[in-house]
Amino acid sequence: MLGRINHIAIAVPDLAAATTTYRDVLGAAVSQVQTLPEHGVRVVFVNLPNSKVELLEPFDGNSPIAAFLEKNPSGGMHHICYEVEDIIAARDSLKAAGARVLGDGEPKIGAHGRPVLFLHPKDFCGTLVELEES
């Protein structure tokens, strides 16, 4: 079911500062900022040869990332995103196996313009998992 790792997401309290660190200190290529109000975040992608790192900050106080940063004020790893060929088939298979899909269970369009779903961290070794249709 799982394809390659699409990205690892890191929640940050200051997207501009995090972008500067990755770009200027680590020498990475960093995308332009994308604002995704439907997900409650602003993001950039650090482009690596084998994957990406997503840096995300809350769009507003209602963002799930704001709650994450309240518990982790310096930021930290938020989720890992795996690619799947068919997100509906993956969702249905996971639900049949007892996994919990967050939200209403219907895919939403993510930062890459593709359907995404999130899976409950308690079902996956304490890690929030995002699935993105490839």
N, C-alpha and C. Protein backbone atom coordinates (compact mmCIF):
# COMPACT_ATOMS: atom_id res chain seq x y z
N MET A 1 0.82 -1.20 0.00
CA MET A 1 0.00 0.00 0.00
C MET A 1 0.86 1.25 0.00
N LEU A 2 1.84 1.34 0.91
CA LEU A 2 2.64 2.55 1.02
C LEU A 2 3.65 2.66 -0.11
N GLY A 3 3.75 3.87 -0.62
CA GLY A 3 4.79 4.19 -1.58
C GLY A 3 5.94 4.87 -0.86
N ARG A 4 6.57 5.78 -1.55
CA ARG A 4 7.73 6.46 -0.95
C ARG A 4 7.30 7.50 0.07
N ILE A 5 8.24 7.91 0.89
CA ILE A 5 8.00 9.03 1.81
C ILE A 5 7.93 10.28 0.95
N ASN A 6 6.83 11.01 1.07
CA ASN A 6 6.68 12.26 0.34
C ASN A 6 7.38 13.38 1.09
N HIS A 7 7.09 13.48 2.39
CA HIS A 7 7.74 14.50 3.21
C HIS A 7 7.61 14.19 4.68
N ILE A 8 8.46 14.83 5.45
CA ILE A 8 8.37 14.83 6.91
C ILE A 8 8.06 16.27 7.30
N ALA A 9 7.05 16.46 8.12
CA ALA A 9 6.60 17.80 8.48
C ALA A 9 7.08 18.19 9.86
N ILE A 10 7.59 19.41 9.94
CA ILE A 10 8.06 19.96 11.20
C ILE A 10 7.27 21.23 11.49
N ALA A 11 6.59 21.24 12.63
CA ALA A 11 5.86 22.43 13.06
C ALA A 11 6.87 23.42 13.63
N VAL A 12 6.72 24.69 13.24
CA VAL A 12 7.65 25.72 13.69
C VAL A 12 6.87 26.93 14.20
N PRO A 13 7.40 27.62 15.21
CA PRO A 13 6.71 28.81 15.69
C PRO A 13 6.91 30.04 14.81
N ASP A 14 7.96 30.02 13.96
CA ASP A 14 8.27 31.18 13.12
C ASP A 14 8.76 30.66 11.77
N LEU A 15 7.88 30.67 10.78
CA LEU A 15 8.19 30.11 9.47
C LEU A 15 9.34 30.85 8.79
N ALA A 16 9.37 32.17 8.91
CA ALA A 16 10.45 32.96 8.29
C ALA A 16 11.81 32.58 8.87
N ALA A 17 11.89 32.45 10.18
CA ALA A 17 13.15 32.08 10.84
C ALA A 17 13.56 30.66 10.45
N ALA A 18 12.60 29.74 10.42
CA ALA A 18 12.91 28.36 10.04
C ALA A 18 13.38 28.28 8.59
N THR A 19 12.74 29.06 7.72
CA THR A 19 13.14 29.10 6.31
C THR A 19 14.57 29.59 6.19
N THR A 20 14.90 30.66 6.91
CA THR A 20 16.25 31.20 6.89
C THR A 20 17.26 30.15 7.36
N THR A 21 16.94 29.43 8.41
CA THR A 21 17.85 28.40 8.92
C THR A 21 18.11 27.32 7.86
N TYR A 22 17.04 26.81 7.27
CA TYR A 22 17.23 25.75 6.27
C TYR A 22 17.93 26.26 5.02
N ARG A 23 17.58 27.46 4.58
CA ARG A 23 18.16 28.01 3.35
C ARG A 23 19.59 28.50 3.57
N ASP A 24 19.80 29.33 4.59
CA ASP A 24 21.08 30.01 4.75
C ASP A 24 22.10 29.22 5.57
N VAL A 25 21.65 28.48 6.56
CA VAL A 25 22.58 27.72 7.39
C VAL A 25 22.84 26.33 6.80
N LEU A 26 21.77 25.66 6.38
CA LEU A 26 21.92 24.30 5.84
C LEU A 26 22.11 24.26 4.33
N GLY A 27 21.90 25.39 3.66
CA GLY A 27 22.13 25.45 2.22
C GLY A 27 21.09 24.73 1.38
N ALA A 28 19.89 24.59 1.89
CA ALA A 28 18.84 23.86 1.19
C ALA A 28 18.03 24.78 0.27
N ALA A 29 17.47 24.18 -0.76
CA ALA A 29 16.52 24.89 -1.63
C ALA A 29 15.16 24.87 -0.94
N VAL A 30 14.57 26.04 -0.75
CA VAL A 30 13.30 26.16 -0.03
C VAL A 30 12.28 26.82 -0.96
N SER A 31 11.08 26.27 -0.99
CA SER A 31 10.01 26.79 -1.84
C SER A 31 9.49 28.12 -1.32
N GLN A 32 8.62 28.73 -2.11
CA GLN A 32 7.89 29.91 -1.67
C GLN A 32 6.85 29.49 -0.62
N VAL A 33 6.43 30.43 0.19
CA VAL A 33 5.40 30.18 1.20
C VAL A 33 4.06 29.91 0.52
N GLN A 34 3.36 28.89 1.00
CA GLN A 34 1.98 28.63 0.58
C GLN A 34 1.09 28.79 1.80
N THR A 35 0.00 29.50 1.64
CA THR A 35 -0.99 29.64 2.71
C THR A 35 -2.14 28.71 2.38
N LEU A 36 -2.46 27.82 3.33
CA LEU A 36 -3.51 26.83 3.16
C LEU A 36 -4.54 26.99 4.27
N PRO A 37 -5.43 27.99 4.15
CA PRO A 37 -6.38 28.24 5.24
C PRO A 37 -7.29 27.05 5.55
N GLU A 38 -7.60 26.23 4.53
CA GLU A 38 -8.46 25.07 4.78
C GLU A 38 -7.78 24.03 5.67
N HIS A 39 -6.45 24.08 5.77
CA HIS A 39 -5.70 23.21 6.67
C HIS A 39 -5.18 23.97 7.89
N GLY A 40 -5.37 25.29 7.90
CA GLY A 40 -4.96 26.11 9.03
C GLY A 40 -3.46 26.34 9.13
N VAL A 41 -2.75 26.30 7.99
CA VAL A 41 -1.30 26.43 8.03
C VAL A 41 -0.75 27.29 6.91
N ARG A 42 0.49 27.74 7.14
CA ARG A 42 1.34 28.32 6.09
C ARG A 42 2.54 27.38 6.03
N VAL A 43 2.99 27.04 4.83
CA VAL A 43 4.04 26.05 4.68
C VAL A 43 5.09 26.47 3.66
N VAL A 44 6.28 25.90 3.82
CA VAL A 44 7.30 25.89 2.78
C VAL A 44 7.82 24.46 2.71
N PHE A 45 8.36 24.10 1.56
CA PHE A 45 8.97 22.79 1.40
C PHE A 45 10.46 22.95 1.17
N VAL A 46 11.22 22.18 1.93
CA VAL A 46 12.65 22.09 1.76
C VAL A 46 12.87 20.92 0.80
N ASN A 47 13.40 21.21 -0.37
CA ASN A 47 13.55 20.19 -1.40
C ASN A 47 14.89 19.48 -1.25
N LEU A 48 14.81 18.18 -1.08
CA LEU A 48 15.99 17.34 -0.90
C LEU A 48 16.07 16.35 -2.07
N PRO A 49 17.22 15.74 -2.29
CA PRO A 49 17.35 14.81 -3.41
C PRO A 49 16.39 13.60 -3.33
N ASN A 50 16.07 13.16 -2.12
CA ASN A 50 15.26 11.95 -1.98
C ASN A 50 13.88 12.16 -1.38
N SER A 51 13.55 13.38 -0.98
CA SER A 51 12.25 13.66 -0.36
C SER A 51 12.14 15.16 -0.12
N LYS A 52 11.24 15.53 0.79
CA LYS A 52 11.07 16.93 1.18
C LYS A 52 10.86 17.00 2.69
N VAL A 53 11.15 18.16 3.23
CA VAL A 53 10.78 18.49 4.61
C VAL A 53 9.79 19.64 4.49
N GLU A 54 8.66 19.50 5.15
CA GLU A 54 7.65 20.55 5.17
C GLU A 54 7.79 21.30 6.49
N LEU A 55 7.98 22.61 6.41
CA LEU A 55 7.98 23.46 7.59
C LEU A 55 6.62 24.13 7.64
N LEU A 56 5.91 23.99 8.76
CA LEU A 56 4.57 24.56 8.83
C LEU A 56 4.37 25.35 10.10
N GLU A 57 3.65 26.46 9.96
CA GLU A 57 3.29 27.29 11.09
C GLU A 57 1.78 27.51 11.05
N PRO A 58 1.18 27.83 12.19
CA PRO A 58 -0.26 28.05 12.22
C PRO A 58 -0.67 29.25 11.36
N PHE A 59 -1.78 29.10 10.68
CA PHE A 59 -2.38 30.20 9.91
C PHE A 59 -3.08 31.17 10.86
N ASP A 60 -3.70 30.60 11.91
CA ASP A 60 -4.39 31.41 12.92
C ASP A 60 -4.48 30.60 14.20
N GLY A 61 -5.13 31.15 15.20
CA GLY A 61 -5.23 30.50 16.50
C GLY A 61 -6.06 29.23 16.51
N ASN A 62 -6.87 28.99 15.47
CA ASN A 62 -7.69 27.78 15.39
C ASN A 62 -6.97 26.62 14.74
N SER A 63 -5.76 26.85 14.27
CA SER A 63 -4.99 25.82 13.58
C SER A 63 -4.61 24.68 14.52
N PRO A 64 -4.66 23.43 14.05
CA PRO A 64 -4.18 22.33 14.88
C PRO A 64 -2.69 22.48 15.19
N ILE A 65 -1.97 23.22 14.36
CA ILE A 65 -0.55 23.44 14.62
C ILE A 65 -0.35 24.38 15.81
N ALA A 66 -1.29 25.30 16.02
CA ALA A 66 -1.21 26.18 17.20
C ALA A 66 -1.28 25.35 18.48
N ALA A 67 -2.17 24.37 18.51
CA ALA A 67 -2.29 23.49 19.68
C ALA A 67 -1.01 22.67 19.87
N PHE A 68 -0.44 22.19 18.77
CA PHE A 68 0.81 21.42 18.83
C PHE A 68 1.92 22.29 19.42
N LEU A 69 2.01 23.55 18.97
CA LEU A 69 3.07 24.44 19.45
C LEU A 69 2.87 24.87 20.89
N GLU A 70 1.63 24.85 21.38
CA GLU A 70 1.41 25.14 22.80
C GLU A 70 2.10 24.08 23.66
N LYS A 71 2.08 22.83 23.20
CA LYS A 71 2.72 21.73 23.92
C LYS A 71 4.20 21.64 23.61
N ASN A 72 4.61 22.15 22.45
CA ASN A 72 6.00 22.07 21.98
C ASN A 72 6.41 23.46 21.46
N PRO A 73 6.66 24.41 22.35
CA PRO A 73 6.86 25.80 21.93
C PRO A 73 8.02 26.03 20.96
N SER A 74 9.01 25.16 20.97
CA SER A 74 10.13 25.31 20.04
C SER A 74 9.86 24.64 18.70
N GLY A 75 8.74 23.93 18.61
CA GLY A 75 8.41 23.19 17.40
C GLY A 75 8.83 21.74 17.52
N GLY A 76 8.70 21.01 16.43
CA GLY A 76 9.09 19.60 16.43
C GLY A 76 8.42 18.85 15.29
N MET A 77 8.80 17.58 15.16
CA MET A 77 8.22 16.76 14.10
C MET A 77 6.72 16.63 14.32
N HIS A 78 5.95 16.92 13.30
CA HIS A 78 4.50 16.89 13.40
C HIS A 78 3.91 15.64 12.75
N HIS A 79 4.34 15.30 11.53
CA HIS A 79 3.82 14.11 10.86
C HIS A 79 4.75 13.63 9.76
N ILE A 80 4.49 12.42 9.30
CA ILE A 80 5.19 11.88 8.15
C ILE A 80 4.15 11.59 7.08
N CYS A 81 4.49 11.90 5.84
CA CYS A 81 3.56 11.73 4.73
C CYS A 81 4.07 10.65 3.78
N TYR A 82 3.24 9.65 3.55
CA TYR A 82 3.54 8.57 2.62
C TYR A 82 2.65 8.71 1.39
N GLU A 83 3.19 8.36 0.25
CA GLU A 83 2.40 8.33 -0.97
C GLU A 83 1.66 7.00 -1.08
N VAL A 84 0.44 7.06 -1.62
CA VAL A 84 -0.35 5.87 -1.95
C VAL A 84 -0.89 6.06 -3.36
N GLU A 85 -1.07 4.96 -4.07
CA GLU A 85 -1.57 5.07 -5.45
C GLU A 85 -3.04 5.49 -5.50
N ASP A 86 -3.85 4.92 -4.62
CA ASP A 86 -5.29 5.16 -4.62
C ASP A 86 -5.71 5.48 -3.19
N ILE A 87 -5.97 6.73 -2.89
CA ILE A 87 -6.23 7.14 -1.51
C ILE A 87 -7.54 6.56 -0.98
N ILE A 88 -8.54 6.41 -1.83
CA ILE A 88 -9.82 5.84 -1.38
C ILE A 88 -9.65 4.37 -1.03
N ALA A 89 -8.95 3.62 -1.88
CA ALA A 89 -8.70 2.20 -1.60
C ALA A 89 -7.87 2.05 -0.33
N ALA A 90 -6.86 2.93 -0.16
CA ALA A 90 -6.03 2.88 1.05
C ALA A 90 -6.87 3.17 2.28
N ARG A 91 -7.70 4.21 2.20
CA ARG A 91 -8.57 4.57 3.33
C ARG A 91 -9.48 3.41 3.70
N ASP A 92 -10.12 2.83 2.70
CA ASP A 92 -11.07 1.75 2.97
C ASP A 92 -10.38 0.53 3.57
N SER A 93 -9.19 0.21 3.08
CA SER A 93 -8.43 -0.91 3.62
C SER A 93 -8.00 -0.65 5.05
N LEU A 94 -7.54 0.56 5.33
CA LEU A 94 -7.11 0.91 6.68
C LEU A 94 -8.28 0.91 7.65
N LYS A 95 -9.42 1.47 7.24
CA LYS A 95 -10.60 1.46 8.11
C LYS A 95 -11.06 0.05 8.40
N ALA A 96 -11.00 -0.83 7.39
CA ALA A 96 -11.39 -2.24 7.58
C ALA A 96 -10.46 -2.92 8.58
N ALA A 97 -9.21 -2.46 8.64
CA ALA A 97 -8.23 -3.03 9.57
C ALA A 97 -8.31 -2.38 10.96
N GLY A 98 -9.22 -1.41 11.13
CA GLY A 98 -9.42 -0.78 12.43
C GLY A 98 -8.71 0.54 12.63
N ALA A 99 -8.02 1.06 11.62
CA ALA A 99 -7.34 2.35 11.74
C ALA A 99 -8.36 3.49 11.70
N ARG A 100 -8.06 4.55 12.42
CA ARG A 100 -8.93 5.72 12.46
C ARG A 100 -8.44 6.79 11.50
N VAL A 101 -9.34 7.23 10.63
CA VAL A 101 -9.06 8.33 9.72
C VAL A 101 -9.59 9.60 10.38
N LEU A 102 -8.77 10.62 10.44
CA LEU A 102 -9.17 11.86 11.12
C LEU A 102 -10.12 12.69 10.25
N GLY A 103 -10.82 13.61 10.90
CA GLY A 103 -11.76 14.47 10.19
C GLY A 103 -12.99 13.68 9.78
N ASP A 104 -13.55 14.07 8.64
CA ASP A 104 -14.76 13.39 8.17
C ASP A 104 -14.46 12.15 7.34
N GLY A 105 -13.18 11.82 7.19
CA GLY A 105 -12.80 10.62 6.45
C GLY A 105 -12.71 10.81 4.95
N GLU A 106 -13.05 12.01 4.49
CA GLU A 106 -12.98 12.30 3.05
C GLU A 106 -11.68 13.04 2.76
N PRO A 107 -11.01 12.69 1.67
CA PRO A 107 -9.76 13.37 1.32
C PRO A 107 -10.00 14.86 1.08
N LYS A 108 -8.99 15.64 1.43
CA LYS A 108 -8.95 17.08 1.13
C LYS A 108 -7.76 17.31 0.21
N ILE A 109 -7.76 18.40 -0.50
CA ILE A 109 -6.63 18.72 -1.37
C ILE A 109 -5.51 19.33 -0.53
N GLY A 110 -4.32 18.75 -0.64
CA GLY A 110 -3.17 19.19 0.14
C GLY A 110 -2.32 20.22 -0.59
N ALA A 111 -1.16 20.50 -0.04
CA ALA A 111 -0.27 21.53 -0.55
C ALA A 111 0.26 21.23 -1.95
N HIS A 112 0.29 19.97 -2.33
CA HIS A 112 0.78 19.60 -3.66
C HIS A 112 -0.35 19.47 -4.67
N GLY A 113 -1.57 19.86 -4.28
CA GLY A 113 -2.70 19.79 -5.18
C GLY A 113 -3.26 18.39 -5.35
N ARG A 114 -2.90 17.49 -4.46
CA ARG A 114 -3.38 16.10 -4.52
C ARG A 114 -4.19 15.77 -3.27
N PRO A 115 -5.06 14.75 -3.36
CA PRO A 115 -5.86 14.37 -2.19
C PRO A 115 -5.00 13.83 -1.05
N VAL A 116 -5.35 14.23 0.18
CA VAL A 116 -4.65 13.78 1.38
C VAL A 116 -5.65 13.37 2.46
N LEU A 117 -5.20 12.50 3.33
CA LEU A 117 -5.93 12.08 4.54
C LEU A 117 -4.93 11.97 5.68
N PHE A 118 -5.40 12.13 6.91
CA PHE A 118 -4.56 11.93 8.08
C PHE A 118 -5.09 10.78 8.91
N LEU A 119 -4.17 10.01 9.48
CA LEU A 119 -4.50 8.84 10.29
C LEU A 119 -4.12 9.10 11.74
N HIS A 120 -4.93 8.58 12.65
CA HIS A 120 -4.75 8.85 14.08
C HIS A 120 -3.39 8.33 14.56
N PRO A 121 -2.63 9.18 15.28
CA PRO A 121 -1.31 8.75 15.74
C PRO A 121 -1.33 7.56 16.70
N LYS A 122 -2.39 7.39 17.45
CA LYS A 122 -2.43 6.26 18.38
C LYS A 122 -2.49 4.93 17.66
N ASP A 123 -2.86 4.94 16.39
CA ASP A 123 -2.91 3.71 15.61
C ASP A 123 -1.58 3.42 14.90
N PHE A 124 -0.63 4.37 14.94
CA PHE A 124 0.62 4.25 14.18
C PHE A 124 1.82 4.65 15.02
N CYS A 125 1.98 3.94 16.13
CA CYS A 125 3.17 4.09 16.98
C CYS A 125 3.38 5.52 17.47
N GLY A 126 2.30 6.25 17.70
CA GLY A 126 2.40 7.60 18.23
C GLY A 126 2.74 8.65 17.20
N THR A 127 2.67 8.30 15.91
CA THR A 127 3.03 9.24 14.85
C THR A 127 1.82 9.57 13.98
N LEU A 128 1.55 10.85 13.83
CA LEU A 128 0.51 11.28 12.90
C LEU A 128 0.97 10.95 11.49
N VAL A 129 0.13 10.24 10.74
CA VAL A 129 0.46 9.82 9.37
C VAL A 129 -0.45 10.53 8.39
N GLU A 130 0.16 11.11 7.36
CA GLU A 130 -0.59 11.69 6.26
C GLU A 130 -0.40 10.77 5.07
N LEU A 131 -1.47 10.53 4.35
CA LEU A 131 -1.41 9.79 3.08
C LEU A 131 -1.69 10.79 1.97
N GLU A 132 -0.91 10.74 0.92
CA GLU A 132 -1.12 11.61 -0.25
C GLU A 132 -1.18 10.74 -1.48
N GLU A 133 -2.21 10.94 -2.29
CA GLU A 133 -2.33 10.17 -3.51
C GLU A 133 -1.23 10.60 -4.48
N SER A 134 -0.53 9.63 -5.02
CA SER A 134 0.58 9.96 -5.92
C SER A 134 0.12 10.04 -7.37
